[in-house]
Amino acid sequence: MPPKYQGRKTFHKVPSLPSDDDSRNSPEQEGDDIVQIFAAFHNRMERKAKDMQRRLSSDCETVIQHITEMAHELVFRQKQELEAKVKGYKRKQEELEEENLAVIKKLRSEEAKYLRLHDSIISELDKVEMAQMKTIQAFEKKYSSFIDDSNDQLQSPIVGKSTLENPFVDKMRQVSFLKFVRCPEKNVHS
């Protein structure tokens, strides 16, 4: 009997054979039956409440466990997504670095090619300049020998008389000779 009903008096009925007189119970017996019915009802309700509490507790634990599992799964998925994004970014970065290295190599090879071309052009210009200098020197020698020959011829008696007769020609020869002696490069280019 629950503690709530323990302070009450209970009457124990001695089982007797049923008789026709006993068809009706005494008021004390009816009160005892009611107390027992209430006690049984109370016990049954307590059991139901405890069962319901156990079920709710079990359901709560199950829900908490499901929520925890879902949270772990969500965190795991987000972690996988982040790792995939990081891998993608790293792969793109590596591709960009490879492209950068390829561009640098190409630029260096182009630079080397242009430097070789520049050196060959300078070498060719040096050769042309040397050839021009040799040509100028050869021309100067020929011109000098031509002038010397012309002077020798002008100093010969036959040409000398004709020069005296034409002072303009003599003056022109002297001027051209002086120009060449002073600045032979200008004469060649002009």
N, C-alpha and C. Protein backbone atom coordinates (compact mmCIF):
# COMPACT_ATOMS: atom_id res chain seq x y z
N MET A 1 0.84 -1.16 0.00
CA MET A 1 0.00 0.00 0.00
C MET A 1 0.90 1.24 0.00
N PRO A 2 0.51 2.24 -0.75
CA PRO A 2 1.34 3.44 -0.81
C PRO A 2 1.36 4.17 0.51
N PRO A 3 2.39 4.96 0.75
CA PRO A 3 2.53 5.64 2.02
C PRO A 3 1.40 6.61 2.30
N LYS A 4 0.77 7.08 1.28
CA LYS A 4 -0.32 8.03 1.45
C LYS A 4 -1.48 7.40 2.23
N TYR A 5 -1.68 6.13 1.99
CA TYR A 5 -2.83 5.45 2.61
C TYR A 5 -2.43 4.56 3.78
N GLN A 6 -1.24 4.60 4.24
CA GLN A 6 -0.79 3.69 5.30
C GLN A 6 -1.34 4.07 6.68
N GLY A 7 -1.67 5.28 6.92
CA GLY A 7 -2.16 5.69 8.23
C GLY A 7 -3.60 5.29 8.47
N ARG A 8 -4.29 4.80 7.52
CA ARG A 8 -5.70 4.45 7.67
C ARG A 8 -5.85 3.03 8.19
N LYS A 9 -6.93 2.86 8.78
CA LYS A 9 -7.22 1.51 9.31
C LYS A 9 -7.74 0.66 8.18
N THR A 10 -7.26 -0.52 8.18
CA THR A 10 -7.75 -1.47 7.19
C THR A 10 -8.35 -2.65 7.92
N PHE A 11 -9.36 -3.11 7.39
CA PHE A 11 -10.02 -4.27 7.99
C PHE A 11 -9.81 -5.44 7.08
N HIS A 12 -9.40 -6.49 7.71
CA HIS A 12 -9.20 -7.71 6.95
C HIS A 12 -10.41 -8.59 7.16
N LYS A 13 -10.96 -8.94 6.11
CA LYS A 13 -12.15 -9.78 6.18
C LYS A 13 -11.71 -11.22 6.10
N VAL A 14 -12.24 -12.00 6.98
CA VAL A 14 -11.94 -13.42 6.96
C VAL A 14 -12.84 -14.02 5.91
N PRO A 15 -12.24 -14.74 5.03
CA PRO A 15 -13.09 -15.30 3.98
C PRO A 15 -14.09 -16.28 4.59
N SER A 16 -15.25 -16.14 4.17
CA SER A 16 -16.32 -17.04 4.64
C SER A 16 -17.06 -17.57 3.44
N LEU A 17 -17.80 -18.52 3.74
CA LEU A 17 -18.55 -19.11 2.67
C LEU A 17 -19.66 -18.16 2.29
N PRO A 18 -19.88 -18.06 1.08
CA PRO A 18 -20.94 -17.14 0.69
C PRO A 18 -22.29 -17.65 1.16
N SER A 19 -23.00 -16.75 1.62
CA SER A 19 -24.35 -17.08 2.07
C SER A 19 -25.31 -16.07 1.49
N ASP A 20 -26.51 -16.33 1.65
CA ASP A 20 -27.48 -15.42 1.09
C ASP A 20 -27.52 -14.11 1.85
N ASP A 21 -27.12 -14.14 3.09
CA ASP A 21 -27.13 -12.92 3.89
C ASP A 21 -26.00 -11.98 3.48
N ASP A 22 -24.97 -12.55 2.99
CA ASP A 22 -23.76 -11.75 2.67
C ASP A 22 -23.88 -11.08 1.31
N SER A 23 -24.99 -11.07 0.71
CA SER A 23 -25.09 -10.48 -0.62
C SER A 23 -24.79 -9.00 -0.56
N ARG A 24 -25.03 -8.48 0.61
CA ARG A 24 -24.69 -7.06 0.78
C ARG A 24 -23.56 -6.96 1.75
N ASN A 25 -22.61 -6.05 1.39
CA ASN A 25 -21.46 -5.86 2.27
C ASN A 25 -21.79 -4.82 3.31
N SER A 26 -21.06 -4.91 4.37
CA SER A 26 -21.22 -3.92 5.42
C SER A 26 -20.54 -2.63 4.99
N PRO A 27 -20.86 -1.48 5.57
CA PRO A 27 -20.23 -0.22 5.20
C PRO A 27 -18.75 -0.24 5.47
N GLU A 28 -18.32 -0.91 6.48
CA GLU A 28 -16.87 -0.97 6.74
C GLU A 28 -16.19 -1.72 5.63
N GLN A 29 -16.83 -2.77 5.18
CA GLN A 29 -16.24 -3.56 4.12
C GLN A 29 -16.21 -2.75 2.84
N GLU A 30 -17.24 -2.03 2.57
CA GLU A 30 -17.27 -1.22 1.36
C GLU A 30 -16.20 -0.13 1.41
N GLY A 31 -16.00 0.47 2.56
CA GLY A 31 -14.95 1.50 2.70
C GLY A 31 -13.58 0.91 2.47
N ASP A 32 -13.38 -0.30 3.01
CA ASP A 32 -12.09 -0.96 2.82
C ASP A 32 -11.89 -1.28 1.35
N ASP A 33 -12.94 -1.71 0.69
CA ASP A 33 -12.82 -2.01 -0.74
C ASP A 33 -12.49 -0.75 -1.55
N ILE A 34 -13.13 0.34 -1.16
CA ILE A 34 -12.87 1.61 -1.87
C ILE A 34 -11.43 2.04 -1.65
N VAL A 35 -10.95 1.91 -0.42
CA VAL A 35 -9.55 2.27 -0.14
C VAL A 35 -8.61 1.41 -0.97
N GLN A 36 -8.91 0.13 -1.04
CA GLN A 36 -8.05 -0.76 -1.82
C GLN A 36 -8.13 -0.42 -3.31
N ILE A 37 -9.33 -0.08 -3.76
CA ILE A 37 -9.46 0.31 -5.18
C ILE A 37 -8.65 1.57 -5.45
N PHE A 38 -8.77 2.56 -4.56
CA PHE A 38 -7.99 3.80 -4.75
C PHE A 38 -6.50 3.53 -4.67
N ALA A 39 -6.11 2.66 -3.73
CA ALA A 39 -4.69 2.33 -3.60
C ALA A 39 -4.19 1.64 -4.86
N ALA A 40 -5.00 0.71 -5.38
CA ALA A 40 -4.60 0.01 -6.61
C ALA A 40 -4.53 1.00 -7.77
N PHE A 41 -5.55 1.90 -7.82
CA PHE A 41 -5.56 2.91 -8.89
C PHE A 41 -4.33 3.82 -8.79
N HIS A 42 -4.03 4.21 -7.53
CA HIS A 42 -2.86 5.06 -7.31
C HIS A 42 -1.58 4.34 -7.74
N ASN A 43 -1.44 3.08 -7.34
CA ASN A 43 -0.25 2.30 -7.73
C ASN A 43 -0.15 2.18 -9.26
N ARG A 44 -1.32 1.92 -9.85
CA ARG A 44 -1.32 1.78 -11.31
C ARG A 44 -0.92 3.09 -11.97
N MET A 45 -1.43 4.21 -11.51
CA MET A 45 -1.09 5.53 -12.07
C MET A 45 0.38 5.85 -11.85
N GLU A 46 0.91 5.50 -10.66
CA GLU A 46 2.34 5.71 -10.42
C GLU A 46 3.18 4.89 -11.39
N ARG A 47 2.77 3.62 -11.61
CA ARG A 47 3.50 2.78 -12.56
C ARG A 47 3.44 3.38 -13.96
N LYS A 48 2.24 3.83 -14.33
CA LYS A 48 2.10 4.45 -15.66
C LYS A 48 2.98 5.70 -15.77
N ALA A 49 2.97 6.52 -14.71
CA ALA A 49 3.78 7.74 -14.71
C ALA A 49 5.26 7.40 -14.82
N LYS A 50 5.69 6.37 -14.04
CA LYS A 50 7.10 5.96 -14.11
C LYS A 50 7.45 5.40 -15.48
N ASP A 51 6.51 4.57 -16.02
CA ASP A 51 6.74 4.03 -17.37
C ASP A 51 6.82 5.16 -18.40
N MET A 52 5.90 6.11 -18.27
CA MET A 52 5.92 7.24 -19.20
C MET A 52 7.20 8.06 -19.04
N GLN A 53 7.61 8.26 -17.77
CA GLN A 53 8.85 8.99 -17.51
C GLN A 53 10.04 8.25 -18.12
N ARG A 54 10.06 6.90 -17.94
CA ARG A 54 11.14 6.12 -18.54
C ARG A 54 11.12 6.25 -20.06
N ARG A 55 9.89 6.14 -20.63
CA ARG A 55 9.78 6.24 -22.09
C ARG A 55 10.23 7.62 -22.58
N LEU A 56 9.77 8.67 -21.88
CA LEU A 56 10.18 10.03 -22.26
C LEU A 56 11.69 10.21 -22.12
N SER A 57 12.23 9.69 -21.03
CA SER A 57 13.67 9.77 -20.82
C SER A 57 14.41 9.04 -21.93
N SER A 58 13.91 7.85 -22.26
CA SER A 58 14.53 7.07 -23.34
C SER A 58 14.40 7.80 -24.67
N ASP A 59 13.19 8.36 -24.93
CA ASP A 59 12.99 9.12 -26.17
C ASP A 59 13.90 10.34 -26.22
N CYS A 60 14.02 11.03 -25.09
CA CYS A 60 14.92 12.20 -25.03
C CYS A 60 16.36 11.79 -25.31
N GLU A 61 16.78 10.70 -24.69
CA GLU A 61 18.15 10.23 -24.93
C GLU A 61 18.35 9.87 -26.40
N THR A 62 17.33 9.21 -26.99
CA THR A 62 17.40 8.85 -28.41
C THR A 62 17.48 10.11 -29.27
N VAL A 63 16.62 11.10 -28.97
CA VAL A 63 16.63 12.35 -29.73
C VAL A 63 17.97 13.06 -29.57
N ILE A 64 18.47 13.10 -28.33
CA ILE A 64 19.77 13.74 -28.09
C ILE A 64 20.86 13.01 -28.86
N GLN A 65 20.79 11.68 -28.86
CA GLN A 65 21.79 10.89 -29.58
C GLN A 65 21.70 11.17 -31.09
N HIS A 66 20.45 11.24 -31.62
CA HIS A 66 20.27 11.55 -33.04
C HIS A 66 20.79 12.95 -33.37
N ILE A 67 20.48 13.90 -32.51
CA ILE A 67 20.95 15.28 -32.73
C ILE A 67 22.47 15.31 -32.71
N THR A 68 23.08 14.61 -31.75
CA THR A 68 24.54 14.56 -31.67
C THR A 68 25.13 13.93 -32.93
N GLU A 69 24.52 12.81 -33.37
CA GLU A 69 25.01 12.15 -34.59
C GLU A 69 24.87 13.07 -35.79
N MET A 70 23.71 13.76 -35.89
CA MET A 70 23.50 14.68 -37.01
C MET A 70 24.49 15.83 -36.96
N ALA A 71 24.76 16.33 -35.76
CA ALA A 71 25.74 17.42 -35.61
C ALA A 71 27.12 16.94 -36.03
N HIS A 72 27.49 15.72 -35.59
CA HIS A 72 28.79 15.17 -36.00
C HIS A 72 28.85 14.97 -37.51
N GLU A 73 27.75 14.47 -38.08
CA GLU A 73 27.72 14.25 -39.52
C GLU A 73 27.81 15.58 -40.27
N LEU A 74 27.09 16.59 -39.77
CA LEU A 74 27.14 17.91 -40.40
C LEU A 74 28.54 18.49 -40.33
N VAL A 75 29.16 18.39 -39.16
CA VAL A 75 30.53 18.89 -39.01
C VAL A 75 31.47 18.13 -39.94
N PHE A 76 31.29 16.81 -40.04
CA PHE A 76 32.14 15.98 -40.90
C PHE A 76 31.96 16.39 -42.36
N ARG A 77 30.69 16.60 -42.79
CA ARG A 77 30.44 17.03 -44.17
C ARG A 77 31.06 18.39 -44.46
N GLN A 78 30.87 19.33 -43.53
CA GLN A 78 31.44 20.66 -43.72
C GLN A 78 32.96 20.59 -43.77
N LYS A 79 33.53 19.74 -42.93
CA LYS A 79 34.98 19.57 -42.93
C LYS A 79 35.44 19.00 -44.27
N GLN A 80 34.71 18.01 -44.79
CA GLN A 80 35.06 17.44 -46.09
C GLN A 80 34.93 18.47 -47.20
N GLU A 81 33.85 19.27 -47.16
CA GLU A 81 33.67 20.31 -48.17
C GLU A 81 34.80 21.33 -48.10
N LEU A 82 35.16 21.74 -46.88
CA LEU A 82 36.25 22.70 -46.73
C LEU A 82 37.57 22.11 -47.22
N GLU A 83 37.82 20.84 -46.89
CA GLU A 83 39.05 20.20 -47.35
C GLU A 83 39.07 20.10 -48.87
N ALA A 84 37.91 19.80 -49.48
CA ALA A 84 37.84 19.74 -50.94
C ALA A 84 38.11 21.11 -51.55
N LYS A 85 37.53 22.17 -50.93
CA LYS A 85 37.79 23.52 -51.43
C LYS A 85 39.26 23.89 -51.28
N VAL A 86 39.84 23.55 -50.14
CA VAL A 86 41.26 23.85 -49.92
C VAL A 86 42.12 23.12 -50.94
N LYS A 87 41.79 21.84 -51.19
CA LYS A 87 42.54 21.08 -52.20
C LYS A 87 42.40 21.72 -53.57
N GLY A 88 41.17 22.15 -53.90
CA GLY A 88 40.94 22.83 -55.18
C GLY A 88 41.76 24.10 -55.30
N TYR A 89 41.77 24.90 -54.22
CA TYR A 89 42.55 26.13 -54.24
C TYR A 89 44.05 25.84 -54.34
N LYS A 90 44.50 24.81 -53.63
CA LYS A 90 45.92 24.46 -53.72
C LYS A 90 46.28 24.00 -55.12
N ARG A 91 45.38 23.21 -55.75
CA ARG A 91 45.63 22.74 -57.10
C ARG A 91 45.69 23.93 -58.07
N LYS A 92 44.75 24.88 -57.91
CA LYS A 92 44.77 26.06 -58.77
C LYS A 92 46.03 26.87 -58.55
N GLN A 93 46.44 26.99 -57.28
CA GLN A 93 47.67 27.73 -56.98
C GLN A 93 48.87 27.05 -57.62
N GLU A 94 48.93 25.72 -57.56
CA GLU A 94 50.03 24.99 -58.19
C GLU A 94 50.01 25.18 -59.70
N GLU A 95 48.80 25.15 -60.30
CA GLU A 95 48.69 25.37 -61.74
C GLU A 95 49.18 26.77 -62.10
N LEU A 96 48.77 27.77 -61.31
CA LEU A 96 49.21 29.14 -61.57
C LEU A 96 50.72 29.28 -61.41
N GLU A 97 51.28 28.61 -60.40
CA GLU A 97 52.73 28.65 -60.21
C GLU A 97 53.44 27.99 -61.39
N GLU A 98 52.89 26.87 -61.88
CA GLU A 98 53.48 26.21 -63.05
C GLU A 98 53.40 27.11 -64.27
N GLU A 99 52.24 27.76 -64.46
CA GLU A 99 52.11 28.69 -65.59
C GLU A 99 53.09 29.85 -65.44
N ASN A 100 53.22 30.34 -64.22
CA ASN A 100 54.16 31.44 -63.95
C ASN A 100 55.58 31.02 -64.29
N LEU A 101 55.97 29.81 -63.87
CA LEU A 101 57.31 29.31 -64.18
C LEU A 101 57.49 29.14 -65.68
N ALA A 102 56.45 28.65 -66.37
CA ALA A 102 56.53 28.48 -67.83
C ALA A 102 56.71 29.83 -68.51
N VAL A 103 55.96 30.84 -68.03
CA VAL A 103 56.08 32.18 -68.62
C VAL A 103 57.48 32.75 -68.35
N ILE A 104 57.99 32.54 -67.13
CA ILE A 104 59.33 33.03 -66.79
C ILE A 104 60.37 32.36 -67.67
N LYS A 105 60.26 31.03 -67.86
CA LYS A 105 61.21 30.32 -68.72
C LYS A 105 61.14 30.85 -70.15
N LYS A 106 59.91 31.05 -70.64
CA LYS A 106 59.74 31.56 -71.99
C LYS A 106 60.35 32.95 -72.12
N LEU A 107 60.09 33.81 -71.13
CA LEU A 107 60.66 35.16 -71.16
C LEU A 107 62.18 35.12 -71.13
N ARG A 108 62.74 34.22 -70.31
CA ARG A 108 64.20 34.12 -70.25
C ARG A 108 64.77 33.63 -71.57
N SER A 109 64.09 32.65 -72.20
CA SER A 109 64.59 32.16 -73.48
C SER A 109 64.48 33.25 -74.55
N GLU A 110 63.36 34.01 -74.51
CA GLU A 110 63.22 35.12 -75.46
C GLU A 110 64.29 36.19 -75.21
N GLU A 111 64.54 36.45 -73.93
CA GLU A 111 65.58 37.43 -73.59
C GLU A 111 66.93 36.97 -74.10
N ALA A 112 67.24 35.68 -73.90
CA ALA A 112 68.52 35.15 -74.38
C ALA A 112 68.59 35.23 -75.90
N LYS A 113 67.45 34.93 -76.57
CA LYS A 113 67.43 35.00 -78.03
C LYS A 113 67.66 36.43 -78.51
N TYR A 114 66.99 37.39 -77.87
CA TYR A 114 67.18 38.79 -78.26
C TYR A 114 68.58 39.29 -77.93
N LEU A 115 69.15 38.82 -76.82
CA LEU A 115 70.53 39.21 -76.51
C LEU A 115 71.49 38.66 -77.55
N ARG A 116 71.27 37.40 -77.98
CA ARG A 116 72.12 36.84 -79.04
C ARG A 116 71.96 37.63 -80.33
N LEU A 117 70.70 37.97 -80.66
CA LEU A 117 70.44 38.77 -81.86
C LEU A 117 71.10 40.13 -81.75
N HIS A 118 70.99 40.75 -80.57
CA HIS A 118 71.63 42.04 -80.33
C HIS A 118 73.14 41.94 -80.52
N ASP A 119 73.73 40.89 -79.92
CA ASP A 119 75.18 40.70 -80.06
C ASP A 119 75.57 40.48 -81.51
N SER A 120 74.77 39.69 -82.24
CA SER A 120 75.11 39.45 -83.65
C SER A 120 74.97 40.74 -84.47
N ILE A 121 73.94 41.56 -84.14
CA ILE A 121 73.79 42.84 -84.86
C ILE A 121 74.98 43.75 -84.57
N ILE A 122 75.38 43.81 -83.30
CA ILE A 122 76.54 44.64 -82.94
C ILE A 122 77.79 44.12 -83.64
N SER A 123 77.94 42.81 -83.68
CA SER A 123 79.09 42.22 -84.36
C SER A 123 79.07 42.57 -85.85
N GLU A 124 77.89 42.47 -86.46
CA GLU A 124 77.77 42.83 -87.88
C GLU A 124 78.05 44.31 -88.08
N LEU A 125 77.55 45.15 -87.18
CA LEU A 125 77.83 46.59 -87.29
C LEU A 125 79.32 46.87 -87.15
N ASP A 126 79.97 46.15 -86.22
CA ASP A 126 81.43 46.30 -86.08
C ASP A 126 82.14 45.89 -87.36
N LYS A 127 81.68 44.78 -87.96
CA LYS A 127 82.29 44.33 -89.22
C LYS A 127 82.08 45.35 -90.32
N VAL A 128 80.84 45.90 -90.38
CA VAL A 128 80.55 46.92 -91.40
C VAL A 128 81.41 48.15 -91.16
N GLU A 129 81.53 48.55 -89.91
CA GLU A 129 82.36 49.72 -89.58
C GLU A 129 83.82 49.49 -89.95
N MET A 130 84.30 48.27 -89.64
CA MET A 130 85.70 47.95 -90.00
C MET A 130 85.86 47.95 -91.52
N ALA A 131 84.87 47.40 -92.22
CA ALA A 131 84.94 47.39 -93.69
C ALA A 131 84.90 48.82 -94.22
N GLN A 132 84.05 49.67 -93.62
CA GLN A 132 84.01 51.07 -94.05
C GLN A 132 85.35 51.75 -93.81
N MET A 133 85.93 51.48 -92.63
CA MET A 133 87.24 52.10 -92.33
C MET A 133 88.29 51.63 -93.33
N LYS A 134 88.27 50.33 -93.65
CA LYS A 134 89.24 49.82 -94.64
C LYS A 134 88.99 50.44 -96.00
N THR A 135 87.70 50.57 -96.34
CA THR A 135 87.36 51.18 -97.64
C THR A 135 87.80 52.63 -97.66
N ILE A 136 87.55 53.33 -96.55
CA ILE A 136 87.96 54.74 -96.47
C ILE A 136 89.48 54.85 -96.56
N GLN A 137 90.19 53.98 -95.83
CA GLN A 137 91.66 54.02 -95.89
C GLN A 137 92.17 53.71 -97.29
N ALA A 138 91.53 52.72 -97.93
CA ALA A 138 91.95 52.39 -99.31
C ALA A 138 91.65 53.55 -100.24
N PHE A 139 90.45 54.16 -100.02
CA PHE A 139 90.11 55.31 -100.85
C PHE A 139 91.08 56.46 -100.61
N GLU A 140 91.42 56.69 -99.33
CA GLU A 140 92.36 57.77 -99.01
C GLU A 140 93.71 57.52 -99.67
N LYS A 141 94.15 56.26 -99.66
CA LYS A 141 95.44 55.94 -100.31
C LYS A 141 95.35 56.19 -101.80
N LYS A 142 94.25 55.72 -102.40
CA LYS A 142 94.10 55.91 -103.85
C LYS A 142 93.96 57.39 -104.17
N TYR A 143 93.18 58.09 -103.33
CA TYR A 143 92.99 59.51 -103.57
C TYR A 143 94.31 60.26 -103.40
N SER A 144 95.05 59.86 -102.36
CA SER A 144 96.35 60.49 -102.13
C SER A 144 97.30 60.21 -103.28
N SER A 145 97.29 58.97 -103.75
CA SER A 145 98.17 58.66 -104.89
C SER A 145 97.69 59.38 -106.14
N PHE A 146 96.33 59.51 -106.27
CA PHE A 146 95.80 60.24 -107.42
C PHE A 146 96.24 61.70 -107.36
N ILE A 147 96.17 62.29 -106.17
CA ILE A 147 96.59 63.69 -106.00
C ILE A 147 98.08 63.82 -106.29
N ASP A 148 98.83 62.87 -105.75
CA ASP A 148 100.28 62.92 -106.01
C ASP A 148 100.57 62.80 -107.50
N ASP A 149 99.86 61.89 -108.15
CA ASP A 149 100.04 61.73 -109.60
C ASP A 149 99.60 62.99 -110.32
N SER A 150 98.47 63.56 -109.84
CA SER A 150 97.99 64.79 -110.47
C SER A 150 98.98 65.92 -110.27
N ASN A 151 99.54 66.01 -109.08
CA ASN A 151 100.54 67.05 -108.81
C ASN A 151 101.77 66.85 -109.68
N ASP A 152 102.16 65.59 -109.79
CA ASP A 152 103.32 65.31 -110.65
C ASP A 152 103.03 65.69 -112.09
N GLN A 153 101.83 65.37 -112.53
CA GLN A 153 101.48 65.70 -113.91
C GLN A 153 101.35 67.20 -114.09
N LEU A 154 100.82 67.86 -113.05
CA LEU A 154 100.68 69.31 -113.15
C LEU A 154 102.04 70.00 -113.15
N GLN A 155 102.98 69.38 -112.52
CA GLN A 155 104.30 69.98 -112.48
C GLN A 155 105.11 69.66 -113.74
N SER A 156 104.59 68.80 -114.55
CA SER A 156 105.29 68.52 -115.81
C SER A 156 105.21 69.76 -116.71
N PRO A 157 106.17 69.97 -117.61
CA PRO A 157 106.24 71.21 -118.40
C PRO A 157 105.04 71.40 -119.32
N ILE A 158 104.45 70.36 -119.82
CA ILE A 158 103.34 70.53 -120.76
C ILE A 158 102.10 71.00 -120.02
N VAL A 159 101.78 70.36 -118.89
CA VAL A 159 100.59 70.72 -118.14
C VAL A 159 100.81 72.04 -117.43
N GLY A 160 101.99 72.32 -117.02
CA GLY A 160 102.29 73.56 -116.29
C GLY A 160 101.98 74.77 -117.13
N LYS A 161 102.25 74.73 -118.43
CA LYS A 161 101.94 75.86 -119.29
C LYS A 161 100.44 76.05 -119.41
N SER A 162 99.74 74.96 -119.51
CA SER A 162 98.29 75.10 -119.65
C SER A 162 97.66 75.60 -118.36
N THR A 163 98.25 75.26 -117.19
CA THR A 163 97.75 75.74 -115.92
C THR A 163 97.95 77.23 -115.82
N LEU A 164 99.06 77.69 -116.29
CA LEU A 164 99.30 79.12 -116.22
C LEU A 164 98.33 79.87 -117.11
N GLU A 165 97.97 79.21 -118.13
CA GLU A 165 97.01 79.84 -119.02
C GLU A 165 95.61 79.87 -118.40
N ASN A 166 95.28 78.85 -117.52
CA ASN A 166 93.95 78.79 -116.90
C ASN A 166 94.11 78.79 -115.38
N PRO A 167 94.14 79.95 -114.71
CA PRO A 167 94.35 80.01 -113.27
C PRO A 167 93.16 79.45 -112.47
N PHE A 168 91.98 79.41 -113.06
CA PHE A 168 90.81 78.90 -112.36
C PHE A 168 90.95 77.41 -112.05
N VAL A 169 91.47 76.62 -112.97
CA VAL A 169 91.65 75.18 -112.78
C VAL A 169 92.69 74.94 -111.69
N ASP A 170 93.73 75.73 -111.68
CA ASP A 170 94.77 75.57 -110.67
C ASP A 170 94.20 75.86 -109.28
N LYS A 171 93.41 76.88 -109.18
CA LYS A 171 92.82 77.24 -107.90
C LYS A 171 91.90 76.12 -107.39
N MET A 172 91.10 75.53 -108.27
CA MET A 172 90.19 74.44 -107.90
C MET A 172 90.96 73.23 -107.39
N ARG A 173 92.06 72.92 -108.00
CA ARG A 173 92.85 71.77 -107.58
C ARG A 173 93.44 71.99 -106.18
N GLN A 174 93.88 73.18 -105.94
CA GLN A 174 94.46 73.47 -104.63
C GLN A 174 93.39 73.41 -103.53
N VAL A 175 92.22 73.92 -103.81
CA VAL A 175 91.14 73.93 -102.83
C VAL A 175 90.71 72.49 -102.52
N SER A 176 90.53 71.67 -103.53
CA SER A 176 90.10 70.29 -103.28
C SER A 176 91.17 69.51 -102.55
N PHE A 177 92.43 69.77 -102.83
CA PHE A 177 93.50 69.09 -102.12
C PHE A 177 93.51 69.50 -100.65
N LEU A 178 93.35 70.79 -100.38
CA LEU A 178 93.36 71.27 -99.00
C LEU A 178 92.17 70.71 -98.22
N LYS A 179 91.02 70.61 -98.86
CA LYS A 179 89.85 70.04 -98.19
C LYS A 179 90.11 68.60 -97.79
N PHE A 180 90.71 67.86 -98.69
CA PHE A 180 90.96 66.45 -98.40
C PHE A 180 91.98 66.29 -97.28
N VAL A 181 92.98 67.10 -97.27
CA VAL A 181 94.03 66.99 -96.25
C VAL A 181 93.47 67.37 -94.89
N ARG A 182 92.67 68.40 -94.82
CA ARG A 182 92.14 68.84 -93.53
C ARG A 182 91.10 67.86 -92.97
N CYS A 183 90.18 67.47 -93.81
CA CYS A 183 89.08 66.63 -93.32
C CYS A 183 88.73 65.59 -94.37
N PRO A 184 89.48 64.49 -94.41
CA PRO A 184 89.24 63.51 -95.46
C PRO A 184 87.89 62.78 -95.31
N GLU A 185 87.38 62.65 -94.10
CA GLU A 185 86.12 61.93 -93.90
C GLU A 185 84.95 62.71 -94.48
N LYS A 186 84.97 64.05 -94.36
CA LYS A 186 83.88 64.86 -94.90
C LYS A 186 83.85 64.76 -96.42
N ASN A 187 85.02 64.71 -97.01
CA ASN A 187 85.07 64.62 -98.47
C ASN A 187 84.50 63.30 -98.96
N VAL A 188 84.73 62.25 -98.19
CA VAL A 188 84.24 60.94 -98.61
C VAL A 188 82.72 60.89 -98.53
N HIS A 189 82.17 61.44 -97.46
CA HIS A 189 80.72 61.39 -97.26
C HIS A 189 79.99 62.42 -98.10
N SER A 190 80.61 63.52 -98.49
CA SER A 190 79.92 64.57 -99.24
C SER A 190 79.95 64.34 -100.69
